[in-house]
Amino acid sequence: IFVPVVALPDWVLAGASLFPLLWMAQGLRGAFFPERMAALEPS
């Protein structure tokens, strides 16, 4: 939300992925962002 996911450690993302907020933000980024921004996602 405040810190780009590309800057977060893997263990932080792994913990956050256990809760819905990370997935909500990712889904909304997929709707709002241009396709090229997908390269900044963890996968």
PDB file of all heavy atoms in Angstrom:
ATOM      1  N   ILE A   1       0.836  -1.197   0.000  1.00  0.00           N
ATOM      2  CA  ILE A   1       0.000   0.000   0.000  1.00  0.00           C
ATOM      3  C   ILE A   1       0.871   1.247   0.000  1.00  0.00           C
ATOM      4  O   ILE A   1       0.735   2.124  -0.849  1.00  0.00           O
ATOM      5  CB  ILE A   1      -0.943   0.009   1.217  1.00  0.00           C
ATOM      6  CG1 ILE A   1      -1.763  -1.293   1.270  1.00  0.00           C
ATOM      7  CG2 ILE A   1      -1.865   1.221   1.147  1.00  0.00           C
ATOM      8  CD1 ILE A   1      -2.591  -1.563   0.050  1.00  0.00           C
ATOM      9  N   PHE A   2       1.780   1.341   0.962  1.00  0.00           N
ATOM     10  CA  PHE A   2       2.665   2.498   1.079  1.00  0.00           C
ATOM     11  C   PHE A   2       4.057   2.228   0.489  1.00  0.00           C
ATOM     12  O   PHE A   2       4.688   3.129  -0.036  1.00  0.00           O
ATOM     13  CB  PHE A   2       2.809   2.911   2.542  1.00  0.00           C
ATOM     14  CG  PHE A   2       1.520   3.296   3.198  1.00  0.00           C
ATOM     15  CD1 PHE A   2       1.235   2.913   4.496  1.00  0.00           C
ATOM     16  CD2 PHE A   2       0.572   4.050   2.517  1.00  0.00           C
ATOM     17  CE1 PHE A   2       0.041   3.277   5.103  1.00  0.00           C
ATOM     18  CE2 PHE A   2      -0.622   4.414   3.108  1.00  0.00           C
ATOM     19  CZ  PHE A   2      -0.881   4.029   4.404  1.00  0.00           C
ATOM     20  N   VAL A   3       4.521   0.996   0.640  1.00  0.00           N
ATOM     21  CA  VAL A   3       5.848   0.609   0.145  1.00  0.00           C
ATOM     22  C   VAL A   3       5.658  -0.292  -1.067  1.00  0.00           C
ATOM     23  O   VAL A   3       4.921  -1.278  -0.997  1.00  0.00           O
ATOM     24  CB  VAL A   3       6.649  -0.130   1.233  1.00  0.00           C
ATOM     25  CG1 VAL A   3       8.041  -0.492   0.715  1.00  0.00           C
ATOM     26  CG2 VAL A   3       6.740   0.709   2.493  1.00  0.00           C
ATOM     27  N   PRO A   4       6.293   0.000  -2.203  1.00  0.00           N
ATOM     28  CA  PRO A   4       6.144  -0.853  -3.388  1.00  0.00           C
ATOM     29  C   PRO A   4       6.546  -2.295  -3.082  1.00  0.00           C
ATOM     30  O   PRO A   4       7.520  -2.543  -2.363  1.00  0.00           O
ATOM     31  CB  PRO A   4       7.094  -0.210  -4.408  1.00  0.00           C
ATOM     32  CG  PRO A   4       7.214   1.214  -3.973  1.00  0.00           C
ATOM     33  CD  PRO A   4       7.134   1.196  -2.475  1.00  0.00           C
ATOM     34  N   VAL A   5       5.809  -3.245  -3.629  1.00  0.00           N
ATOM     35  CA  VAL A   5       6.089  -4.649  -3.351  1.00  0.00           C
ATOM     36  C   VAL A   5       7.475  -5.054  -3.827  1.00  0.00           C
ATOM     37  O   VAL A   5       8.099  -5.962  -3.269  1.00  0.00           O
ATOM     38  CB  VAL A   5       5.019  -5.559  -4.006  1.00  0.00           C
ATOM     39  CG1 VAL A   5       3.684  -5.410  -3.310  1.00  0.00           C
ATOM     40  CG2 VAL A   5       4.888  -5.271  -5.494  1.00  0.00           C
ATOM     41  N   VAL A   6       7.986  -4.373  -4.845  1.00  0.00           N
ATOM     42  CA  VAL A   6       9.317  -4.704  -5.360  1.00  0.00           C
ATOM     43  C   VAL A   6      10.397  -4.394  -4.331  1.00  0.00           C
ATOM     44  O   VAL A   6      11.499  -4.956  -4.393  1.00  0.00           O
ATOM     45  CB  VAL A   6       9.583  -3.938  -6.673  1.00  0.00           C
ATOM     46  CG1 VAL A   6       9.753  -2.456  -6.422  1.00  0.00           C
ATOM     47  CG2 VAL A   6      10.797  -4.508  -7.403  1.00  0.00           C
ATOM     48  N   ALA A   7      10.104  -3.521  -3.368  1.00  0.00           N
ATOM     49  CA  ALA A   7      11.084  -3.150  -2.352  1.00  0.00           C
ATOM     50  C   ALA A   7      10.954  -3.970  -1.074  1.00  0.00           C
ATOM     51  O   ALA A   7      11.770  -3.819  -0.156  1.00  0.00           O
ATOM     52  CB  ALA A   7      10.954  -1.661  -2.013  1.00  0.00           C
ATOM     53  N   LEU A   8       9.955  -4.838  -0.980  1.00  0.00           N
ATOM     54  CA  LEU A   8       9.713  -5.609   0.235  1.00  0.00           C
ATOM     55  C   LEU A   8      10.470  -6.936   0.193  1.00  0.00           C
ATOM     56  O   LEU A   8      10.533  -7.589  -0.858  1.00  0.00           O
ATOM     57  CB  LEU A   8       8.219  -5.874   0.407  1.00  0.00           C
ATOM     58  CG  LEU A   8       7.350  -4.638   0.670  1.00  0.00           C
ATOM     59  CD1 LEU A   8       5.872  -5.019   0.634  1.00  0.00           C
ATOM     60  CD2 LEU A   8       7.701  -4.000   2.010  1.00  0.00           C
ATOM     61  N   PRO A   9      11.038  -7.375   1.320  1.00  0.00           N
ATOM     62  CA  PRO A   9      11.701  -8.685   1.372  1.00  0.00           C
ATOM     63  C   PRO A   9      10.709  -9.816   1.115  1.00  0.00           C
ATOM     64  O   PRO A   9       9.504  -9.672   1.359  1.00  0.00           O
ATOM     65  CB  PRO A   9      12.259  -8.741   2.798  1.00  0.00           C
ATOM     66  CG  PRO A   9      12.279  -7.328   3.278  1.00  0.00           C
ATOM     67  CD  PRO A   9      11.149  -6.637   2.589  1.00  0.00           C
ATOM     68  N   ASP A  10      11.229 -10.938   0.654  1.00  0.00           N
ATOM     69  CA  ASP A  10      10.362 -12.078   0.343  1.00  0.00           C
ATOM     70  C   ASP A  10       9.603 -12.571   1.570  1.00  0.00           C
ATOM     71  O   ASP A  10       8.435 -12.950   1.470  1.00  0.00           O
ATOM     72  CB  ASP A  10      11.197 -13.222  -0.252  1.00  0.00           C
ATOM     73  CG  ASP A  10      11.732 -12.879  -1.636  1.00  0.00           C
ATOM     74  OD1 ASP A  10      11.171 -11.969  -2.277  1.00  0.00           O
ATOM     75  OD2 ASP A  10      12.719 -13.522  -2.070  1.00  0.00           O
ATOM     76  N   TRP A  11      10.265 -12.572   2.740  1.00  0.00           N
ATOM     77  CA  TRP A  11       9.592 -13.091   3.928  1.00  0.00           C
ATOM     78  C   TRP A  11       8.441 -12.179   4.371  1.00  0.00           C
ATOM     79  O   TRP A  11       7.443 -12.651   4.916  1.00  0.00           O
ATOM     80  CB  TRP A  11      10.586 -13.284   5.070  1.00  0.00           C
ATOM     81  CG  TRP A  11      11.216 -12.024   5.592  1.00  0.00           C
ATOM     82  CD1 TRP A  11      12.357 -11.425   5.153  1.00  0.00           C
ATOM     83  CD2 TRP A  11      10.724 -11.206   6.667  1.00  0.00           C
ATOM     84  NE1 TRP A  11      12.616 -10.284   5.866  1.00  0.00           N
ATOM     85  CE2 TRP A  11      11.643 -10.125   6.812  1.00  0.00           C
ATOM     86  CE3 TRP A  11       9.621 -11.277   7.505  1.00  0.00           C
ATOM     87  CZ2 TRP A  11      11.473  -9.127   7.768  1.00  0.00           C
ATOM     88  CZ3 TRP A  11       9.445 -10.285   8.462  1.00  0.00           C
ATOM     89  CH2 TRP A  11      10.361  -9.226   8.590  1.00  0.00           C
ATOM     90  N   VAL A  12       8.579 -10.871   4.102  1.00  0.00           N
ATOM     91  CA  VAL A  12       7.487  -9.943   4.415  1.00  0.00           C
ATOM     92  C   VAL A  12       6.303 -10.201   3.492  1.00  0.00           C
ATOM     93  O   VAL A  12       5.143 -10.255   3.931  1.00  0.00           O
ATOM     94  CB  VAL A  12       7.970  -8.488   4.292  1.00  0.00           C
ATOM     95  CG1 VAL A  12       6.794  -7.525   4.424  1.00  0.00           C
ATOM     96  CG2 VAL A  12       9.019  -8.185   5.350  1.00  0.00           C
ATOM     97  N   LEU A  13       6.569 -10.367   2.205  1.00  0.00           N
ATOM     98  CA  LEU A  13       5.492 -10.655   1.255  1.00  0.00           C
ATOM     99  C   LEU A  13       4.826 -11.989   1.554  1.00  0.00           C
ATOM    100  O   LEU A  13       3.612 -12.130   1.401  1.00  0.00           O
ATOM    101  CB  LEU A  13       6.048 -10.654  -0.169  1.00  0.00           C
ATOM    102  CG  LEU A  13       6.459  -9.294  -0.739  1.00  0.00           C
ATOM    103  CD1 LEU A  13       7.102  -9.474  -2.106  1.00  0.00           C
ATOM    104  CD2 LEU A  13       5.256  -8.371  -0.838  1.00  0.00           C
ATOM    105  N   ALA A  14       5.632 -12.966   1.983  1.00  0.00           N
ATOM    106  CA  ALA A  14       5.058 -14.279   2.309  1.00  0.00           C
ATOM    107  C   ALA A  14       4.087 -14.163   3.478  1.00  0.00           C
ATOM    108  O   ALA A  14       3.001 -14.768   3.474  1.00  0.00           O
ATOM    109  CB  ALA A  14       6.171 -15.271   2.638  1.00  0.00           C
ATOM    110  N   GLY A  15       4.431 -13.365   4.489  1.00  0.00           N
ATOM    111  CA  GLY A  15       3.522 -13.172   5.617  1.00  0.00           C
ATOM    112  C   GLY A  15       2.282 -12.398   5.223  1.00  0.00           C
ATOM    113  O   GLY A  15       1.164 -12.732   5.626  1.00  0.00           O
ATOM    114  N   ALA A  16       2.472 -11.341   4.416  1.00  0.00           N
ATOM    115  CA  ALA A  16       1.324 -10.527   4.002  1.00  0.00           C
ATOM    116  C   ALA A  16       0.378 -11.306   3.094  1.00  0.00           C
ATOM    117  O   ALA A  16      -0.829 -11.025   3.066  1.00  0.00           O
ATOM    118  CB  ALA A  16       1.809  -9.270   3.293  1.00  0.00           C
ATOM    119  N   SER A  17       0.909 -12.278   2.346  1.00  0.00           N
ATOM    120  CA  SER A  17       0.067 -13.046   1.418  1.00  0.00           C
ATOM    121  C   SER A  17      -0.930 -13.939   2.144  1.00  0.00           C
ATOM    122  O   SER A  17      -1.838 -14.493   1.520  1.00  0.00           O
ATOM    123  CB  SER A  17       0.933 -13.892   0.493  1.00  0.00           C
ATOM    124  OG  SER A  17       1.633 -14.893   1.224  1.00  0.00           O
ATOM    125  N   LEU A  18      -0.785 -14.077   3.458  1.00  0.00           N
ATOM    126  CA  LEU A  18      -1.731 -14.872   4.237  1.00  0.00           C
ATOM    127  C   LEU A  18      -2.993 -14.092   4.572  1.00  0.00           C
ATOM    128  O   LEU A  18      -3.928 -14.648   5.160  1.00  0.00           O
ATOM    129  CB  LEU A  18      -1.075 -15.351   5.540  1.00  0.00           C
ATOM    130  CG  LEU A  18       0.169 -16.228   5.377  1.00  0.00           C
ATOM    131  CD1 LEU A  18       0.764 -16.554   6.745  1.00  0.00           C
ATOM    132  CD2 LEU A  18      -0.161 -17.504   4.621  1.00  0.00           C
ATOM    133  N   PHE A  19      -3.037 -12.815   4.181  1.00  0.00           N
ATOM    134  CA  PHE A  19      -4.174 -11.956   4.499  1.00  0.00           C
ATOM    135  C   PHE A  19      -4.700 -11.315   3.211  1.00  0.00           C
ATOM    136  O   PHE A  19      -3.986 -11.198   2.212  1.00  0.00           O
ATOM    137  CB  PHE A  19      -3.761 -10.894   5.514  1.00  0.00           C
ATOM    138  CG  PHE A  19      -3.264 -11.470   6.810  1.00  0.00           C
ATOM    139  CD1 PHE A  19      -1.911 -11.708   7.003  1.00  0.00           C
ATOM    140  CD2 PHE A  19      -4.150 -11.797   7.816  1.00  0.00           C
ATOM    141  CE1 PHE A  19      -1.449 -12.260   8.187  1.00  0.00           C
ATOM    142  CE2 PHE A  19      -3.698 -12.347   9.010  1.00  0.00           C
ATOM    143  CZ  PHE A  19      -2.346 -12.579   9.195  1.00  0.00           C
ATOM    144  N   PRO A  20      -5.950 -10.877   3.226  1.00  0.00           N
ATOM    145  CA  PRO A  20      -6.585 -10.434   1.970  1.00  0.00           C
ATOM    146  C   PRO A  20      -6.089  -9.103   1.423  1.00  0.00           C
ATOM    147  O   PRO A  20      -6.231  -8.847   0.234  1.00  0.00           O
ATOM    148  CB  PRO A  20      -8.068 -10.356   2.329  1.00  0.00           C
ATOM    149  CG  PRO A  20      -8.124 -10.232   3.812  1.00  0.00           C
ATOM    150  CD  PRO A  20      -6.934 -10.962   4.329  1.00  0.00           C
ATOM    151  N   LEU A  21      -5.509  -8.225   2.244  1.00  0.00           N
ATOM    152  CA  LEU A  21      -5.175  -6.883   1.770  1.00  0.00           C
ATOM    153  C   LEU A  21      -4.177  -6.912   0.617  1.00  0.00           C
ATOM    154  O   LEU A  21      -4.329  -6.164  -0.359  1.00  0.00           O
ATOM    155  CB  LEU A  21      -4.644  -6.025   2.915  1.00  0.00           C
ATOM    156  CG  LEU A  21      -4.334  -4.567   2.572  1.00  0.00           C
ATOM    157  CD1 LEU A  21      -5.572  -3.861   2.035  1.00  0.00           C
ATOM    158  CD2 LEU A  21      -3.788  -3.819   3.788  1.00  0.00           C
ATOM    159  N   LEU A  22      -3.146  -7.728   0.718  1.00  0.00           N
ATOM    160  CA  LEU A  22      -2.153  -7.802  -0.358  1.00  0.00           C
ATOM    161  C   LEU A  22      -2.794  -8.207  -1.677  1.00  0.00           C
ATOM    162  O   LEU A  22      -2.484  -7.643  -2.733  1.00  0.00           O
ATOM    163  CB  LEU A  22      -1.045  -8.787   0.021  1.00  0.00           C
ATOM    164  CG  LEU A  22       0.068  -8.997  -1.015  1.00  0.00           C
ATOM    165  CD1 LEU A  22       1.433  -9.102  -0.331  1.00  0.00           C
ATOM    166  CD2 LEU A  22      -0.180 -10.250  -1.862  1.00  0.00           C
ATOM    167  N   TRP A  23      -3.713  -9.167  -1.636  1.00  0.00           N
ATOM    168  CA  TRP A  23      -4.352  -9.656  -2.860  1.00  0.00           C
ATOM    169  C   TRP A  23      -5.329  -8.631  -3.415  1.00  0.00           C
ATOM    170  O   TRP A  23      -5.455  -8.486  -4.636  1.00  0.00           O
ATOM    171  CB  TRP A  23      -5.048 -10.978  -2.569  1.00  0.00           C
ATOM    172  CG  TRP A  23      -4.109 -12.042  -2.117  1.00  0.00           C
ATOM    173  CD1 TRP A  23      -3.937 -12.510  -0.846  1.00  0.00           C
ATOM    174  CD2 TRP A  23      -3.169 -12.758  -2.928  1.00  0.00           C
ATOM    175  NE1 TRP A  23      -2.967 -13.468  -0.810  1.00  0.00           N
ATOM    176  CE2 TRP A  23      -2.475 -13.651  -2.072  1.00  0.00           C
ATOM    177  CE3 TRP A  23      -2.855 -12.740  -4.282  1.00  0.00           C
ATOM    178  CZ2 TRP A  23      -1.493 -14.510  -2.550  1.00  0.00           C
ATOM    179  CZ3 TRP A  23      -1.874 -13.595  -4.760  1.00  0.00           C
ATOM    180  CH2 TRP A  23      -1.205 -14.463  -3.901  1.00  0.00           C
ATOM    181  N   MET A  24      -6.015  -7.900  -2.551  1.00  0.00           N
ATOM    182  CA  MET A  24      -6.900  -6.844  -3.027  1.00  0.00           C
ATOM    183  C   MET A  24      -6.105  -5.770  -3.762  1.00  0.00           C
ATOM    184  O   MET A  24      -6.492  -5.318  -4.848  1.00  0.00           O
ATOM    185  CB  MET A  24      -7.656  -6.221  -1.843  1.00  0.00           C
ATOM    186  CG  MET A  24      -8.634  -7.157  -1.157  1.00  0.00           C
ATOM    187  SD  MET A  24      -9.197  -6.513   0.438  1.00  0.00           S
ATOM    188  CE  MET A  24     -10.051  -5.037  -0.073  1.00  0.00           C
ATOM    189  N   ALA A  25      -4.985  -5.361  -3.162  1.00  0.00           N
ATOM    190  CA  ALA A  25      -4.161  -4.330  -3.792  1.00  0.00           C
ATOM    191  C   ALA A  25      -3.588  -4.818  -5.120  1.00  0.00           C
ATOM    192  O   ALA A  25      -3.560  -4.068  -6.102  1.00  0.00           O
ATOM    193  CB  ALA A  25      -3.034  -3.922  -2.839  1.00  0.00           C
ATOM    194  N   GLN A  26      -3.168  -6.069  -5.176  1.00  0.00           N
ATOM    195  CA  GLN A  26      -2.618  -6.598  -6.416  1.00  0.00           C
ATOM    196  C   GLN A  26      -3.671  -6.671  -7.512  1.00  0.00           C
ATOM    197  O   GLN A  26      -3.409  -6.333  -8.676  1.00  0.00           O
ATOM    198  CB  GLN A  26      -2.017  -7.987  -6.163  1.00  0.00           C
ATOM    199  CG  GLN A  26      -1.377  -8.618  -7.400  1.00  0.00           C
ATOM    200  CD  GLN A  26      -0.616  -9.885  -7.057  1.00  0.00           C
ATOM    201  OE1 GLN A  26       0.004  -9.984  -6.001  1.00  0.00           O
ATOM    202  NE2 GLN A  26      -0.664 -10.873  -7.948  1.00  0.00           N
ATOM    203  N   GLY A  27      -4.869  -7.122  -7.177  1.00  0.00           N
ATOM    204  CA  GLY A  27      -5.937  -7.192  -8.160  1.00  0.00           C
ATOM    205  C   GLY A  27      -6.323  -5.819  -8.690  1.00  0.00           C
ATOM    206  O   GLY A  27      -6.558  -5.641  -9.894  1.00  0.00           O
ATOM    207  N   LEU A  28      -6.364  -4.824  -7.810  1.00  0.00           N
ATOM    208  CA  LEU A  28      -6.703  -3.472  -8.249  1.00  0.00           C
ATOM    209  C   LEU A  28      -5.575  -2.850  -9.070  1.00  0.00           C
ATOM    210  O   LEU A  28      -5.839  -2.095 -10.014  1.00  0.00           O
ATOM    211  CB  LEU A  28      -7.029  -2.598  -7.034  1.00  0.00           C
ATOM    212  CG  LEU A  28      -8.332  -2.974  -6.304  1.00  0.00           C
ATOM    213  CD1 LEU A  28      -8.497  -2.155  -5.034  1.00  0.00           C
ATOM    214  CD2 LEU A  28      -9.534  -2.778  -7.216  1.00  0.00           C
ATOM    215  N   ARG A  29      -4.329  -3.157  -8.733  1.00  0.00           N
ATOM    216  CA  ARG A  29      -3.226  -2.679  -9.578  1.00  0.00           C
ATOM    217  C   ARG A  29      -3.341  -3.265 -10.983  1.00  0.00           C
ATOM    218  O   ARG A  29      -3.061  -2.585 -11.985  1.00  0.00           O
ATOM    219  CB  ARG A  29      -1.876  -3.045  -8.963  1.00  0.00           C
ATOM    220  CG  ARG A  29      -1.499  -2.216  -7.747  1.00  0.00           C
ATOM    221  CD  ARG A  29      -0.012  -2.343  -7.430  1.00  0.00           C
ATOM    222  NE  ARG A  29       0.398  -3.707  -7.118  1.00  0.00           N
ATOM    223  CZ  ARG A  29       0.368  -4.246  -5.914  1.00  0.00           C
ATOM    224  NH1 ARG A  29      -0.044  -3.528  -4.875  1.00  0.00           N
ATOM    225  NH2 ARG A  29       0.767  -5.493  -5.717  1.00  0.00           N
ATOM    226  N   GLY A  30      -3.755  -4.517 -11.073  1.00  0.00           N
ATOM    227  CA  GLY A  30      -3.938  -5.134 -12.382  1.00  0.00           C
ATOM    228  C   GLY A  30      -5.012  -4.463 -13.207  1.00  0.00           C
ATOM    229  O   GLY A  30      -4.975  -4.500 -14.433  1.00  0.00           O
ATOM    230  N   ALA A  31      -5.993  -3.837 -12.528  1.00  0.00           N
ATOM    231  CA  ALA A  31      -7.059  -3.138 -13.247  1.00  0.00           C
ATOM    232  C   ALA A  31      -6.668  -1.709 -13.591  1.00  0.00           C
ATOM    233  O   ALA A  31      -7.048  -1.194 -14.646  1.00  0.00           O
ATOM    234  CB  ALA A  31      -8.335  -3.140 -12.406  1.00  0.00           C
ATOM    235  N   PHE A  32      -5.909  -1.049 -12.723  1.00  0.00           N
ATOM    236  CA  PHE A  32      -5.580   0.360 -12.910  1.00  0.00           C
ATOM    237  C   PHE A  32      -4.273   0.584 -13.679  1.00  0.00           C
ATOM    238  O   PHE A  32      -4.172   1.541 -14.450  1.00  0.00           O
ATOM    239  CB  PHE A  32      -5.468   1.062 -11.546  1.00  0.00           C
ATOM    240  CG  PHE A  32      -6.776   1.466 -10.946  1.00  0.00           C
ATOM    241  CD1 PHE A  32      -7.521   0.560 -10.201  1.00  0.00           C
ATOM    242  CD2 PHE A  32      -7.272   2.750 -11.102  1.00  0.00           C
ATOM    243  CE1 PHE A  32      -8.730   0.923  -9.626  1.00  0.00           C
ATOM    244  CE2 PHE A  32      -8.475   3.129 -10.542  1.00  0.00           C
ATOM    245  CZ  PHE A  32      -9.211   2.213  -9.803  1.00  0.00           C
ATOM    246  N   PHE A  33      -3.283  -0.249 -13.452  1.00  0.00           N
ATOM    247  CA  PHE A  33      -1.954  -0.004 -14.009  1.00  0.00           C
ATOM    248  C   PHE A  33      -1.855  -0.460 -15.464  1.00  0.00           C
ATOM    249  O   PHE A  33      -2.545  -1.411 -15.872  1.00  0.00           O
ATOM    250  CB  PHE A  33      -0.895  -0.740 -13.206  1.00  0.00           C
ATOM    251  CG  PHE A  33      -0.578  -0.115 -11.873  1.00  0.00           C
ATOM    252  CD1 PHE A  33      -1.313   0.959 -11.386  1.00  0.00           C
ATOM    253  CD2 PHE A  33       0.458  -0.601 -11.093  1.00  0.00           C
ATOM    254  CE1 PHE A  33      -1.035   1.530 -10.160  1.00  0.00           C
ATOM    255  CE2 PHE A  33       0.757  -0.038  -9.873  1.00  0.00           C
ATOM    256  CZ  PHE A  33       0.010   1.029  -9.397  1.00  0.00           C
ATOM    257  N   PRO A  34      -0.966   0.154 -16.248  1.00  0.00           N
ATOM    258  CA  PRO A  34      -0.677  -0.378 -17.584  1.00  0.00           C
ATOM    259  C   PRO A  34       0.033  -1.722 -17.478  1.00  0.00           C
ATOM    260  O   PRO A  34       0.657  -2.037 -16.462  1.00  0.00           O
ATOM    261  CB  PRO A  34       0.229   0.697 -18.204  1.00  0.00           C
ATOM    262  CG  PRO A  34       0.798   1.434 -17.035  1.00  0.00           C
ATOM    263  CD  PRO A  34      -0.248   1.406 -15.966  1.00  0.00           C
ATOM    264  N   GLU A  35      -0.040  -2.508 -18.534  1.00  0.00           N
ATOM    265  CA  GLU A  35       0.479  -3.870 -18.499  1.00  0.00           C
ATOM    266  C   GLU A  35       1.967  -3.924 -18.188  1.00  0.00           C
ATOM    267  O   GLU A  35       2.454  -4.873 -17.555  1.00  0.00           O
ATOM    268  CB  GLU A  35       0.185  -4.571 -19.826  1.00  0.00           C
ATOM    269  CG  GLU A  35       0.425  -6.071 -19.817  1.00  0.00           C
ATOM    270  CD  GLU A  35      -0.436  -6.796 -18.784  1.00  0.00           C
ATOM    271  OE1 GLU A  35      -1.591  -6.376 -18.574  1.00  0.00           O
ATOM    272  OE2 GLU A  35       0.070  -7.765 -18.181  1.00  0.00           O
ATOM    273  N   ARG A  36       2.716  -2.924 -18.622  1.00  0.00           N
ATOM    274  CA  ARG A  36       4.162  -2.930 -18.402  1.00  0.00           C
ATOM    275  C   ARG A  36       4.526  -2.906 -16.920  1.00  0.00           C
ATOM    276  O   ARG A  36       5.609  -3.351 -16.527  1.00  0.00           O
ATOM    277  CB  ARG A  36       4.799  -1.735 -19.099  1.00  0.00           C
ATOM    278  CG  ARG A  36       4.256  -0.382 -18.664  1.00  0.00           C
ATOM    279  CD  ARG A  36       4.879   0.778 -19.409  1.00  0.00           C
ATOM    280  NE  ARG A  36       4.208   2.043 -19.122  1.00  0.00           N
ATOM    281  CZ  ARG A  36       4.427   2.764 -18.029  1.00  0.00           C
ATOM    282  NH1 ARG A  36       5.331   2.352 -17.137  1.00  0.00           N
ATOM    283  NH2 ARG A  36       3.773   3.903 -17.838  1.00  0.00           N
ATOM    284  N   MET A  37       3.620  -2.390 -16.068  1.00  0.00           N
ATOM    285  CA  MET A  37       3.902  -2.315 -14.638  1.00  0.00           C
ATOM    286  C   MET A  37       3.860  -3.674 -13.956  1.00  0.00           C
ATOM    287  O   MET A  37       4.305  -3.816 -12.820  1.00  0.00           O
ATOM    288  CB  MET A  37       2.914  -1.366 -13.965  1.00  0.00           C
ATOM    289  CG  MET A  37       3.033   0.082 -14.410  1.00  0.00           C
ATOM    290  SD  MET A  37       4.603   0.830 -13.938  1.00  0.00           S
ATOM    291  CE  MET A  37       4.423   0.914 -12.160  1.00  0.00           C
ATOM    292  N   ALA A  38       3.345  -4.690 -14.649  1.00  0.00           N
ATOM    293  CA  ALA A  38       3.306  -6.032 -14.065  1.00  0.00           C
ATOM    294  C   ALA A  38       4.710  -6.568 -13.804  1.00  0.00           C
ATOM    295  O   ALA A  38       4.899  -7.454 -12.965  1.00  0.00           O
ATOM    296  CB  ALA A  38       2.543  -6.981 -14.984  1.00  0.00           C
ATOM    297  N   ALA A  39       5.711  -6.034 -14.493  1.00  0.00           N
ATOM    298  CA  ALA A  39       7.088  -6.486 -14.294  1.00  0.00           C
ATOM    299  C   ALA A  39       7.588  -6.200 -12.884  1.00  0.00           C
ATOM    300  O   ALA A  39       8.545  -6.831 -12.415  1.00  0.00           O
ATOM    301  CB  ALA A  39       8.005  -5.817 -15.314  1.00  0.00           C
ATOM    302  N   LEU A  40       6.944  -5.256 -12.180  1.00  0.00           N
ATOM    303  CA  LEU A  40       7.353  -4.910 -10.822  1.00  0.00           C
ATOM    304  C   LEU A  40       6.704  -5.795  -9.760  1.00  0.00           C
ATOM    305  O   LEU A  40       7.025  -5.669  -8.580  1.00  0.00           O
ATOM    306  CB  LEU A  40       7.012  -3.449 -10.535  1.00  0.00           C
ATOM    307  CG  LEU A  40       7.700  -2.410 -11.427  1.00  0.00           C
ATOM    308  CD1 LEU A  40       7.254  -0.998 -11.050  1.00  0.00           C
ATOM    309  CD2 LEU A  40       9.218  -2.534 -11.329  1.00  0.00           C
ATOM    310  N   GLU A  41       5.794  -6.667 -10.187  1.00  0.00           N
ATOM    311  CA  GLU A  41       5.187  -7.605  -9.238  1.00  0.00           C
ATOM    312  C   GLU A  41       6.170  -8.734  -8.919  1.00  0.00           C
ATOM    313  O   GLU A  41       7.084  -9.012  -9.701  1.00  0.00           O
ATOM    314  CB  GLU A  41       3.901  -8.174  -9.818  1.00  0.00           C
ATOM    315  CG  GLU A  41       2.817  -7.146 -10.049  1.00  0.00           C
ATOM    316  CD  GLU A  41       2.339  -6.494  -8.766  1.00  0.00           C
ATOM    317  OE1 GLU A  41       2.077  -7.215  -7.780  1.00  0.00           O
ATOM    318  OE2 GLU A  41       2.242  -5.256  -8.732  1.00  0.00           O
ATOM    319  N   PRO A  42       6.019  -9.396  -7.777  1.00  0.00           N
ATOM    320  CA  PRO A  42       6.964 -10.465  -7.402  1.00  0.00           C
ATOM    321  C   PRO A  42       7.111 -11.558  -8.459  1.00  0.00           C
ATOM    322  O   PRO A  42       8.209 -12.077  -8.678  1.00  0.00           O
ATOM    323  CB  PRO A  42       6.358 -11.025  -6.110  1.00  0.00           C
ATOM    324  CG  PRO A  42       5.584  -9.884  -5.534  1.00  0.00           C
ATOM    325  CD  PRO A  42       5.038  -9.129  -6.713  1.00  0.00           C
ATOM    326  N   SER A  43       6.007 -11.910  -9.144  1.00  0.00           N
ATOM    327  CA  SER A  43       6.062 -12.967 -10.166  1.00  0.00           C
ATOM    328  C   SER A  43       6.208 -12.414 -11.566  1.00  0.00           C
ATOM    329  O   SER A  43       6.276 -13.182 -12.526  1.00  0.00           O
ATOM    330  CB  SER A  43       4.797 -13.820 -10.085  1.00  0.00           C
ATOM    331  OG  SER A  43       3.643 -13.052 -10.434  1.00  0.00           O
TER     332      SER A  43
END
